[in-house]
Amino acid sequence: MAEELEIKLTISQENVPAVAQWVSTLPEARFGEEKRLVNRYFDTPTADLNREKAALRVRQAGDHFIQTLKTRGDFVAGAHRRQEWEWPLPGPNLQLGLLADSPLAERVNLAELSAIFETNFQRRTWWIVTDDAEIEVALDSGQVVNGDHILPLHEVEFELKAGDPGALMSYAQILAATVPVFLNLVSKAEQGYHLAGLYHPRVETGTGPLTVEGFLRRLSLAWLTGASPEVREDELKGLRSISHTFQTPSNPDSVFDAIKSGTPIRSLASAPDLGQLQLALARA
């Protein structure tokens, strides 16, 4: 079992070349590889794994196969932190015996697992190596697929391999100054579950100010579902105060006002201010 720390940014298809150009011109970055990844996700008919906040997949890259189990984990300074188990496979079939010692074995009927959806994409990777950190950058472009239902998938991920976790946010903010990004707390698996009709997240509202994590999670769920994030002025008060202590974006109040008025999050994500505000809040 390993622990994964990464920042995931959703981008538009039209900005995929710009992201590739940006990372390629970093003097500390070297190109890794490009490969086609086919990922089949498994669950029970009643989505028991998803309720346990876990995701199980078999990934194919060429003639190599790997089975992976991930927890949804938590959110730390803008990054996802998750537990992860990986097992190489001889072929494309799920091997239930490998899950016997996992946390799911006692809570899920493993015999009921079947393929639910796929995430299939082209991945390009680069390695950023500095005195402070070693980071893998993955640029993914493809689709989430459930039968005839398809969603576009375009993301860039910064994963810490060694060193200072703060380096992840530094590079994410530099990229956000170049192209519009959306700091997305919704995983590829959650997107697939929603497409398959097995995940219907509800935004839980409170009576006091929003935490940064709660705000970012609410925006991500609104991005996924197309619903309004339903934020009130009293919830935003603390976040507005925090935003006035940094310079990016140039007018954070206009972003908060657009969110409060119900402007669709996917629309706001196509401009640079929302992503820059998200990252600045996460780092504050």
C-alpha atoms as a PDB file:
ATOM      1  CA  MET A   1       0.000   0.000   0.000  1.00  0.00           C
ATOM      2  CA  ALA A   2       1.280   3.449  -0.950  1.00  0.00           C
ATOM      3  CA  GLU A   3       0.088   7.002  -0.362  1.00  0.00           C
ATOM      4  CA  GLU A   4      -0.580   9.276  -3.320  1.00  0.00           C
ATOM      5  CA  LEU A   5      -0.422  13.090  -3.223  1.00  0.00           C
ATOM      6  CA  GLU A   6      -1.515  14.955  -6.336  1.00  0.00           C
ATOM      7  CA  ILE A   7      -3.198  18.081  -7.661  1.00  0.00           C
ATOM      8  CA  LYS A   8      -5.639  17.556 -10.510  1.00  0.00           C
ATOM      9  CA  LEU A   9      -6.693  20.371 -12.825  1.00  0.00           C
ATOM     10  CA  THR A  10      -9.462  20.065 -15.398  1.00  0.00           C
ATOM     11  CA  ILE A  11      -8.798  21.928 -18.642  1.00  0.00           C
ATOM     12  CA  SER A  12     -10.649  22.405 -21.922  1.00  0.00           C
ATOM     13  CA  GLN A  13      -9.810  20.315 -24.973  1.00  0.00           C
ATOM     14  CA  GLU A  14      -8.680  23.429 -26.854  1.00  0.00           C
ATOM     15  CA  ASN A  15      -6.063  24.157 -24.167  1.00  0.00           C
ATOM     16  CA  VAL A  16      -4.475  20.692 -24.177  1.00  0.00           C
ATOM     17  CA  PRO A  17      -1.758  21.780 -26.684  1.00  0.00           C
ATOM     18  CA  ALA A  18      -1.003  24.900 -24.618  1.00  0.00           C
ATOM     19  CA  VAL A  19      -0.471  22.811 -21.477  1.00  0.00           C
ATOM     20  CA  ALA A  20       1.859  20.455 -23.357  1.00  0.00           C
ATOM     21  CA  GLN A  21       3.779  23.442 -24.702  1.00  0.00           C
ATOM     22  CA  TRP A  22       4.052  25.002 -21.248  1.00  0.00           C
ATOM     23  CA  VAL A  23       5.475  21.960 -19.479  1.00  0.00           C
ATOM     24  CA  SER A  24       7.756  21.121 -22.409  1.00  0.00           C
ATOM     25  CA  THR A  25       9.460  24.521 -22.171  1.00  0.00           C
ATOM     26  CA  LEU A  26      10.228  24.245 -18.436  1.00  0.00           C
ATOM     27  CA  PRO A  27      14.023  23.850 -18.216  1.00  0.00           C
ATOM     28  CA  GLU A  28      13.711  21.479 -15.249  1.00  0.00           C
ATOM     29  CA  ALA A  29      11.238  19.170 -17.058  1.00  0.00           C
ATOM     30  CA  ARG A  30      12.045  16.198 -19.241  1.00  0.00           C
ATOM     31  CA  PHE A  31       9.576  14.273 -21.361  1.00  0.00           C
ATOM     32  CA  GLY A  32       8.711  10.794 -20.105  1.00  0.00           C
ATOM     33  CA  GLU A  33       6.445   8.902 -22.473  1.00  0.00           C
ATOM     34  CA  GLU A  34       3.132   8.867 -24.312  1.00  0.00           C
ATOM     35  CA  LYS A  35       0.751   5.935 -24.061  1.00  0.00           C
ATOM     36  CA  ARG A  36      -2.862   4.939 -24.533  1.00  0.00           C
ATOM     37  CA  LEU A  37      -4.579   3.874 -21.293  1.00  0.00           C
ATOM     38  CA  VAL A  38      -7.782   1.814 -21.157  1.00  0.00           C
ATOM     39  CA  ASN A  39      -9.275   1.685 -17.660  1.00  0.00           C
ATOM     40  CA  ARG A  40     -12.189  -0.528 -16.641  1.00  0.00           C
ATOM     41  CA  TYR A  41     -13.797   0.262 -13.282  1.00  0.00           C
ATOM     42  CA  PHE A  42     -15.581  -2.387 -11.237  1.00  0.00           C
ATOM     43  CA  ASP A  43     -18.306  -2.304  -8.619  1.00  0.00           C
ATOM     44  CA  THR A  44     -21.359  -4.201  -7.422  1.00  0.00           C
ATOM     45  CA  PRO A  45     -24.794  -3.536  -8.985  1.00  0.00           C
ATOM     46  CA  THR A  46     -25.628  -1.343  -5.984  1.00  0.00           C
ATOM     47  CA  ALA A  47     -22.283   0.544  -6.082  1.00  0.00           C
ATOM     48  CA  ASP A  48     -21.024  -0.736  -2.731  1.00  0.00           C
ATOM     49  CA  LEU A  49     -17.412   0.257  -3.492  1.00  0.00           C
ATOM     50  CA  ASN A  50     -18.424   3.804  -4.260  1.00  0.00           C
ATOM     51  CA  ARG A  51     -20.318   4.024  -0.979  1.00  0.00           C
ATOM     52  CA  GLU A  52     -17.127   2.883   0.752  1.00  0.00           C
ATOM     53  CA  LYS A  53     -15.366   5.791  -1.027  1.00  0.00           C
ATOM     54  CA  ALA A  54     -13.132   3.437  -2.973  1.00  0.00           C
ATOM     55  CA  ALA A  55     -12.412   2.809  -6.650  1.00  0.00           C
ATOM     56  CA  LEU A  56     -11.264  -0.429  -8.259  1.00  0.00           C
ATOM     57  CA  ARG A  57      -9.936  -0.608 -11.806  1.00  0.00           C
ATOM     58  CA  VAL A  58      -7.914  -2.682 -14.239  1.00  0.00           C
ATOM     59  CA  ARG A  59      -5.687  -0.560 -16.460  1.00  0.00           C
ATOM     60  CA  GLN A  60      -4.275  -1.665 -19.795  1.00  0.00           C
ATOM     61  CA  ALA A  61      -1.255   0.078 -21.316  1.00  0.00           C
ATOM     62  CA  GLY A  62      -0.172  -1.821 -24.419  1.00  0.00           C
ATOM     63  CA  ASP A  63       0.248  -5.446 -23.337  1.00  0.00           C
ATOM     64  CA  HIS A  64       0.667  -4.558 -19.657  1.00  0.00           C
ATOM     65  CA  PHE A  65      -2.156  -4.803 -17.116  1.00  0.00           C
ATOM     66  CA  ILE A  66      -2.383  -3.548 -13.555  1.00  0.00           C
ATOM     67  CA  GLN A  67      -5.142  -3.810 -10.943  1.00  0.00           C
ATOM     68  CA  THR A  68      -5.507  -0.787  -8.652  1.00  0.00           C
ATOM     69  CA  LEU A  69      -7.585  -0.054  -5.568  1.00  0.00           C
ATOM     70  CA  LYS A  70      -7.789   3.555  -4.338  1.00  0.00           C
ATOM     71  CA  THR A  71      -9.532   5.245  -1.460  1.00  0.00           C
ATOM     72  CA  ARG A  72     -11.080   8.677  -1.986  1.00  0.00           C
ATOM     73  CA  GLY A  73      -8.839   9.971   0.795  1.00  0.00           C
ATOM     74  CA  ASP A  74      -8.719  13.579   1.913  1.00  0.00           C
ATOM     75  CA  PHE A  75      -7.719  17.024   0.740  1.00  0.00           C
ATOM     76  CA  VAL A  76      -4.514  18.706   1.958  1.00  0.00           C
ATOM     77  CA  ALA A  77      -3.458  22.221   0.841  1.00  0.00           C
ATOM     78  CA  GLY A  78      -4.994  21.838  -2.594  1.00  0.00           C
ATOM     79  CA  ALA A  79      -3.883  18.235  -3.156  1.00  0.00           C
ATOM     80  CA  HIS A  80      -5.579  14.856  -2.933  1.00  0.00           C
ATOM     81  CA  ARG A  81      -4.025  12.403  -0.460  1.00  0.00           C
ATOM     82  CA  ARG A  82      -5.172   8.817  -0.988  1.00  0.00           C
ATOM     83  CA  GLN A  83      -4.197   5.272  -0.144  1.00  0.00           C
ATOM     84  CA  GLU A  84      -3.456   3.076  -3.121  1.00  0.00           C
ATOM     85  CA  TRP A  85      -2.820  -0.629  -3.723  1.00  0.00           C
ATOM     86  CA  GLU A  86      -1.447  -1.913  -7.058  1.00  0.00           C
ATOM     87  CA  TRP A  87      -0.947  -5.427  -8.421  1.00  0.00           C
ATOM     88  CA  PRO A  88       0.458  -6.404 -11.854  1.00  0.00           C
ATOM     89  CA  LEU A  89      -1.795  -8.811 -13.781  1.00  0.00           C
ATOM     90  CA  PRO A  90      -1.080 -11.371 -16.505  1.00  0.00           C
ATOM     91  CA  GLY A  91      -4.134 -10.253 -18.507  1.00  0.00           C
ATOM     92  CA  PRO A  92      -7.253  -8.045 -18.504  1.00  0.00           C
ATOM     93  CA  ASN A  93      -9.328 -10.021 -15.992  1.00  0.00           C
ATOM     94  CA  LEU A  94      -9.961  -8.792 -12.454  1.00  0.00           C
ATOM     95  CA  GLN A  95      -8.379 -11.038  -9.801  1.00  0.00           C
ATOM     96  CA  LEU A  96     -10.535 -11.107  -6.686  1.00  0.00           C
ATOM     97  CA  GLY A  97      -7.958 -12.975  -4.607  1.00  0.00           C
ATOM     98  CA  LEU A  98      -5.714  -9.905  -4.593  1.00  0.00           C
ATOM     99  CA  LEU A  99      -8.400  -7.992  -2.677  1.00  0.00           C
ATOM    100  CA  ALA A 100      -8.674 -10.511   0.152  1.00  0.00           C
ATOM    101  CA  ASP A 101      -6.347  -8.542   2.452  1.00  0.00           C
ATOM    102  CA  SER A 102      -7.672  -5.118   1.461  1.00  0.00           C
ATOM    103  CA  PRO A 103     -10.008  -2.988   3.638  1.00  0.00           C
ATOM    104  CA  LEU A 104     -12.922  -3.877   1.335  1.00  0.00           C
ATOM    105  CA  ALA A 105     -12.883  -7.615   1.814  1.00  0.00           C
ATOM    106  CA  GLU A 106     -15.085  -7.599   4.928  1.00  0.00           C
ATOM    107  CA  ARG A 107     -17.504  -4.884   3.760  1.00  0.00           C
ATOM    108  CA  VAL A 108     -18.195  -5.713   0.101  1.00  0.00           C
ATOM    109  CA  ASN A 109     -19.345  -8.912  -1.582  1.00  0.00           C
ATOM    110  CA  LEU A 110     -16.432  -9.251  -3.994  1.00  0.00           C
ATOM    111  CA  ALA A 111     -18.220 -11.947  -5.985  1.00  0.00           C
ATOM    112  CA  GLU A 112     -20.749  -9.336  -7.207  1.00  0.00           C
ATOM    113  CA  LEU A 113     -18.118  -7.102  -8.844  1.00  0.00           C
ATOM    114  CA  SER A 114     -18.465  -6.381 -12.565  1.00  0.00           C
ATOM    115  CA  ALA A 115     -17.306  -3.711 -15.020  1.00  0.00           C
ATOM    116  CA  ILE A 116     -19.377  -0.497 -14.680  1.00  0.00           C
ATOM    117  CA  PHE A 117     -17.669   2.122 -16.882  1.00  0.00           C
ATOM    118  CA  GLU A 118     -14.376   3.006 -18.569  1.00  0.00           C
ATOM    119  CA  THR A 119     -12.038   5.999 -18.671  1.00  0.00           C
ATOM    120  CA  ASN A 120      -9.932   5.841 -21.822  1.00  0.00           C
ATOM    121  CA  PHE A 121      -7.370   8.471 -22.699  1.00  0.00           C
ATOM    122  CA  GLN A 122      -4.020   9.340 -24.212  1.00  0.00           C
ATOM    123  CA  ARG A 123      -1.465  10.200 -21.513  1.00  0.00           C
ATOM    124  CA  ARG A 124       1.709  12.213 -21.912  1.00  0.00           C
ATOM    125  CA  THR A 125       4.070  12.429 -18.936  1.00  0.00           C
ATOM    126  CA  TRP A 126       6.949  14.656 -17.940  1.00  0.00           C
ATOM    127  CA  TRP A 127       9.276  14.611 -14.941  1.00  0.00           C
ATOM    128  CA  ILE A 128      10.080  17.828 -13.096  1.00  0.00           C
ATOM    129  CA  VAL A 129      13.198  17.490 -10.952  1.00  0.00           C
ATOM    130  CA  THR A 130      14.469  20.329  -8.761  1.00  0.00           C
ATOM    131  CA  ASP A 131      16.491  20.584  -5.555  1.00  0.00           C
ATOM    132  CA  ASP A 132      13.227  20.626  -3.593  1.00  0.00           C
ATOM    133  CA  ALA A 133      10.985  18.074  -5.275  1.00  0.00           C
ATOM    134  CA  GLU A 134      10.435  15.423  -7.913  1.00  0.00           C
ATOM    135  CA  ILE A 135       7.049  15.684  -9.653  1.00  0.00           C
ATOM    136  CA  GLU A 136       5.358  13.631 -12.363  1.00  0.00           C
ATOM    137  CA  VAL A 137       3.148  15.682 -14.670  1.00  0.00           C
ATOM    138  CA  ALA A 138       0.476  13.711 -16.544  1.00  0.00           C
ATOM    139  CA  LEU A 139      -1.594  15.276 -19.323  1.00  0.00           C
ATOM    140  CA  ASP A 140      -4.674  13.159 -20.083  1.00  0.00           C
ATOM    141  CA  SER A 141      -7.024  13.625 -23.016  1.00  0.00           C
ATOM    142  CA  GLY A 142      -9.863  11.226 -23.775  1.00  0.00           C
ATOM    143  CA  GLN A 143     -13.312  10.131 -22.627  1.00  0.00           C
ATOM    144  CA  VAL A 144     -15.377   8.655 -19.795  1.00  0.00           C
ATOM    145  CA  VAL A 145     -17.573   5.915 -21.278  1.00  0.00           C
ATOM    146  CA  ASN A 146     -20.664   4.108 -20.047  1.00  0.00           C
ATOM    147  CA  GLY A 147     -22.302   2.260 -22.941  1.00  0.00           C
ATOM    148  CA  ASP A 148     -23.524   4.923 -25.384  1.00  0.00           C
ATOM    149  CA  HIS A 149     -22.987   7.705 -22.844  1.00  0.00           C
ATOM    150  CA  ILE A 150     -19.717   9.626 -23.216  1.00  0.00           C
ATOM    151  CA  LEU A 151     -18.138  12.585 -21.419  1.00  0.00           C
ATOM    152  CA  PRO A 152     -14.955  14.409 -22.468  1.00  0.00           C
ATOM    153  CA  LEU A 153     -11.955  14.013 -20.161  1.00  0.00           C
ATOM    154  CA  HIS A 154      -9.087  16.523 -20.257  1.00  0.00           C
ATOM    155  CA  GLU A 155      -6.912  16.855 -17.174  1.00  0.00           C
ATOM    156  CA  VAL A 156      -3.407  17.654 -16.024  1.00  0.00           C
ATOM    157  CA  GLU A 157      -2.129  16.057 -12.830  1.00  0.00           C
ATOM    158  CA  PHE A 158       0.864  17.003 -10.706  1.00  0.00           C
ATOM    159  CA  GLU A 159       1.892  14.043  -8.522  1.00  0.00           C
ATOM    160  CA  LEU A 160       4.573  14.349  -5.868  1.00  0.00           C
ATOM    161  CA  LYS A 161       7.142  11.567  -6.055  1.00  0.00           C
ATOM    162  CA  ALA A 162       9.616  13.018  -3.560  1.00  0.00           C
ATOM    163  CA  GLY A 163      10.346  16.241  -1.710  1.00  0.00           C
ATOM    164  CA  ASP A 164       8.344  19.324  -0.756  1.00  0.00           C
ATOM    165  CA  PRO A 165       4.538  19.039  -1.212  1.00  0.00           C
ATOM    166  CA  GLY A 166       4.373  22.806  -1.674  1.00  0.00           C
ATOM    167  CA  ALA A 167       6.032  22.428  -5.062  1.00  0.00           C
ATOM    168  CA  LEU A 168       2.819  20.898  -6.433  1.00  0.00           C
ATOM    169  CA  MET A 169       0.860  24.060  -5.725  1.00  0.00           C
ATOM    170  CA  SER A 170       3.642  26.290  -7.050  1.00  0.00           C
ATOM    171  CA  TYR A 171       3.601  24.631 -10.463  1.00  0.00           C
ATOM    172  CA  ALA A 172      -0.204  24.484 -10.527  1.00  0.00           C
ATOM    173  CA  GLN A 173      -0.382  28.233  -9.951  1.00  0.00           C
ATOM    174  CA  ILE A 174       2.206  28.947 -12.636  1.00  0.00           C
ATOM    175  CA  LEU A 175       0.157  26.902 -15.110  1.00  0.00           C
ATOM    176  CA  ALA A 176      -3.065  28.661 -14.036  1.00  0.00           C
ATOM    177  CA  ALA A 177      -1.475  31.968 -15.031  1.00  0.00           C
ATOM    178  CA  THR A 178      -0.960  30.557 -18.538  1.00  0.00           C
ATOM    179  CA  VAL A 179      -4.249  28.771 -19.335  1.00  0.00           C
ATOM    180  CA  PRO A 180      -7.645  28.541 -17.566  1.00  0.00           C
ATOM    181  CA  VAL A 181      -7.799  25.590 -15.169  1.00  0.00           C
ATOM    182  CA  PHE A 182     -10.313  24.201 -12.697  1.00  0.00           C
ATOM    183  CA  LEU A 183      -9.089  22.682  -9.434  1.00  0.00           C
ATOM    184  CA  ASN A 184     -11.227  19.559  -9.466  1.00  0.00           C
ATOM    185  CA  LEU A 185     -11.841  17.461  -6.363  1.00  0.00           C
ATOM    186  CA  VAL A 186     -14.006  15.060  -8.383  1.00  0.00           C
ATOM    187  CA  SER A 187     -12.024  12.012  -9.478  1.00  0.00           C
ATOM    188  CA  LYS A 188     -12.206  10.222 -12.812  1.00  0.00           C
ATOM    189  CA  ALA A 189     -14.025   7.419 -10.993  1.00  0.00           C
ATOM    190  CA  GLU A 190     -16.665   9.793  -9.589  1.00  0.00           C
ATOM    191  CA  GLN A 191     -17.247  11.153 -13.091  1.00  0.00           C
ATOM    192  CA  GLY A 192     -17.750   7.608 -14.341  1.00  0.00           C
ATOM    193  CA  TYR A 193     -20.147   6.696 -11.536  1.00  0.00           C
ATOM    194  CA  HIS A 194     -22.189   9.825 -12.205  1.00  0.00           C
ATOM    195  CA  LEU A 195     -22.321   9.056 -15.927  1.00  0.00           C
ATOM    196  CA  ALA A 196     -23.462   5.500 -15.125  1.00  0.00           C
ATOM    197  CA  GLY A 197     -26.257   6.839 -12.899  1.00  0.00           C
ATOM    198  CA  LEU A 198     -24.791   5.270  -9.755  1.00  0.00           C
ATOM    199  CA  TYR A 199     -23.589   8.435  -8.031  1.00  0.00           C
ATOM    200  CA  HIS A 200     -25.908  11.293  -7.129  1.00  0.00           C
ATOM    201  CA  PRO A 201     -23.954  13.617  -4.831  1.00  0.00           C
ATOM    202  CA  ARG A 202     -25.810  16.185  -2.776  1.00  0.00           C
ATOM    203  CA  VAL A 203     -24.308  19.429  -1.562  1.00  0.00           C
ATOM    204  CA  GLU A 204     -24.545  19.670   2.200  1.00  0.00           C
ATOM    205  CA  THR A 205     -25.017  23.248   3.350  1.00  0.00           C
ATOM    206  CA  GLY A 206     -24.177  24.474   6.817  1.00  0.00           C
ATOM    207  CA  THR A 207     -25.135  27.411   8.996  1.00  0.00           C
ATOM    208  CA  GLY A 208     -21.721  29.102   9.198  1.00  0.00           C
ATOM    209  CA  PRO A 209     -18.842  30.181   6.980  1.00  0.00           C
ATOM    210  CA  LEU A 210     -17.579  27.699   4.407  1.00  0.00           C
ATOM    211  CA  THR A 211     -14.180  26.113   4.871  1.00  0.00           C
ATOM    212  CA  VAL A 212     -11.855  26.249   1.887  1.00  0.00           C
ATOM    213  CA  GLU A 213     -12.173  22.487   1.410  1.00  0.00           C
ATOM    214  CA  GLY A 214     -15.965  22.658   1.662  1.00  0.00           C
ATOM    215  CA  PHE A 215     -16.090  25.472  -0.879  1.00  0.00           C
ATOM    216  CA  LEU A 216     -13.838  23.664  -3.365  1.00  0.00           C
ATOM    217  CA  ARG A 217     -15.755  20.423  -2.957  1.00  0.00           C
ATOM    218  CA  ARG A 218     -19.052  22.220  -3.520  1.00  0.00           C
ATOM    219  CA  LEU A 219     -17.715  23.804  -6.715  1.00  0.00           C
ATOM    220  CA  SER A 220     -16.486  20.420  -7.948  1.00  0.00           C
ATOM    221  CA  LEU A 221     -19.854  18.768  -7.369  1.00  0.00           C
ATOM    222  CA  ALA A 222     -21.601  21.653  -9.142  1.00  0.00           C
ATOM    223  CA  TRP A 223     -19.189  21.192 -12.058  1.00  0.00           C
ATOM    224  CA  LEU A 224     -20.026  17.475 -12.156  1.00  0.00           C
ATOM    225  CA  THR A 225     -23.803  17.712 -11.871  1.00  0.00           C
ATOM    226  CA  GLY A 226     -24.488  21.040 -13.564  1.00  0.00           C
ATOM    227  CA  ALA A 227     -26.401  22.178 -10.467  1.00  0.00           C
ATOM    228  CA  SER A 228     -25.835  25.455  -8.674  1.00  0.00           C
ATOM    229  CA  PRO A 229     -23.348  25.312  -5.759  1.00  0.00           C
ATOM    230  CA  GLU A 230     -26.000  27.147  -3.692  1.00  0.00           C
ATOM    231  CA  VAL A 231     -23.737  29.355  -1.605  1.00  0.00           C
ATOM    232  CA  ARG A 232     -25.014  32.125   0.632  1.00  0.00           C
ATOM    233  CA  GLU A 233     -23.322  35.393   1.492  1.00  0.00           C
ATOM    234  CA  ASP A 234     -22.886  34.398   5.147  1.00  0.00           C
ATOM    235  CA  GLU A 235     -21.092  31.234   4.003  1.00  0.00           C
ATOM    236  CA  LEU A 236     -18.750  33.201   1.744  1.00  0.00           C
ATOM    237  CA  LYS A 237     -17.848  35.911   4.243  1.00  0.00           C
ATOM    238  CA  GLY A 238     -14.708  34.227   5.569  1.00  0.00           C
ATOM    239  CA  LEU A 239     -13.516  33.208   2.114  1.00  0.00           C
ATOM    240  CA  ARG A 240     -13.910  36.746   0.830  1.00  0.00           C
ATOM    241  CA  SER A 241     -11.724  37.979   3.686  1.00  0.00           C
ATOM    242  CA  ILE A 242      -9.041  35.428   2.883  1.00  0.00           C
ATOM    243  CA  SER A 243      -9.133  36.316  -0.811  1.00  0.00           C
ATOM    244  CA  HIS A 244      -8.448  39.994  -0.083  1.00  0.00           C
ATOM    245  CA  THR A 245      -5.011  39.047   1.293  1.00  0.00           C
ATOM    246  CA  PHE A 246      -3.652  37.898  -2.071  1.00  0.00           C
ATOM    247  CA  GLN A 247      -3.448  39.434  -5.544  1.00  0.00           C
ATOM    248  CA  THR A 248      -4.857  36.663  -7.752  1.00  0.00           C
ATOM    249  CA  PRO A 249      -7.329  36.920  -9.370  1.00  0.00           C
ATOM    250  CA  SER A 250      -7.467  40.668  -9.899  1.00  0.00           C
ATOM    251  CA  ASN A 251     -11.072  40.864  -8.646  1.00  0.00           C
ATOM    252  CA  PRO A 252     -11.956  37.841  -6.486  1.00  0.00           C
ATOM    253  CA  ASP A 253     -15.234  39.423  -5.378  1.00  0.00           C
ATOM    254  CA  SER A 254     -16.522  39.269  -8.955  1.00  0.00           C
ATOM    255  CA  VAL A 255     -15.891  35.503  -8.964  1.00  0.00           C
ATOM    256  CA  PHE A 256     -17.680  35.043  -5.634  1.00  0.00           C
ATOM    257  CA  ASP A 257     -20.589  37.161  -6.870  1.00  0.00           C
ATOM    258  CA  ALA A 258     -20.895  35.075 -10.058  1.00  0.00           C
ATOM    259  CA  ILE A 259     -20.892  31.856  -8.033  1.00  0.00           C
ATOM    260  CA  LYS A 260     -23.487  33.208  -5.584  1.00  0.00           C
ATOM    261  CA  SER A 261     -25.734  34.318  -8.450  1.00  0.00           C
ATOM    262  CA  GLY A 262     -25.784  30.770  -9.876  1.00  0.00           C
ATOM    263  CA  THR A 263     -23.516  31.185 -12.905  1.00  0.00           C
ATOM    264  CA  PRO A 264     -22.731  27.633 -14.132  1.00  0.00           C
ATOM    265  CA  ILE A 265     -19.366  26.472 -12.831  1.00  0.00           C
ATOM    266  CA  ARG A 266     -18.340  24.998 -16.190  1.00  0.00           C
ATOM    267  CA  SER A 267     -18.877  28.429 -17.706  1.00  0.00           C
ATOM    268  CA  LEU A 268     -16.757  30.120 -15.021  1.00  0.00           C
ATOM    269  CA  ALA A 269     -14.048  27.476 -15.453  1.00  0.00           C
ATOM    270  CA  SER A 270     -13.497  28.518 -19.069  1.00  0.00           C
ATOM    271  CA  ALA A 271     -11.981  31.814 -17.869  1.00  0.00           C
ATOM    272  CA  PRO A 272      -8.801  32.125 -15.784  1.00  0.00           C
ATOM    273  CA  ASP A 273     -10.147  33.839 -12.646  1.00  0.00           C
ATOM    274  CA  LEU A 274     -11.970  30.887 -11.050  1.00  0.00           C
ATOM    275  CA  GLY A 275      -9.023  28.493 -11.185  1.00  0.00           C
ATOM    276  CA  GLN A 276      -6.619  31.127  -9.955  1.00  0.00           C
ATOM    277  CA  LEU A 277      -8.935  31.908  -7.035  1.00  0.00           C
ATOM    278  CA  GLN A 278      -9.297  28.205  -6.153  1.00  0.00           C
ATOM    279  CA  LEU A 279      -5.544  27.652  -6.066  1.00  0.00           C
ATOM    280  CA  ALA A 280      -4.856  30.813  -4.106  1.00  0.00           C
ATOM    281  CA  LEU A 281      -7.473  29.871  -1.492  1.00  0.00           C
ATOM    282  CA  ALA A 282      -6.103  26.333  -1.249  1.00  0.00           C
ATOM    283  CA  ARG A 283      -2.623  27.664  -0.630  1.00  0.00           C
ATOM    284  CA  ALA A 284      -3.615  30.420   1.816  1.00  0.00           C
END
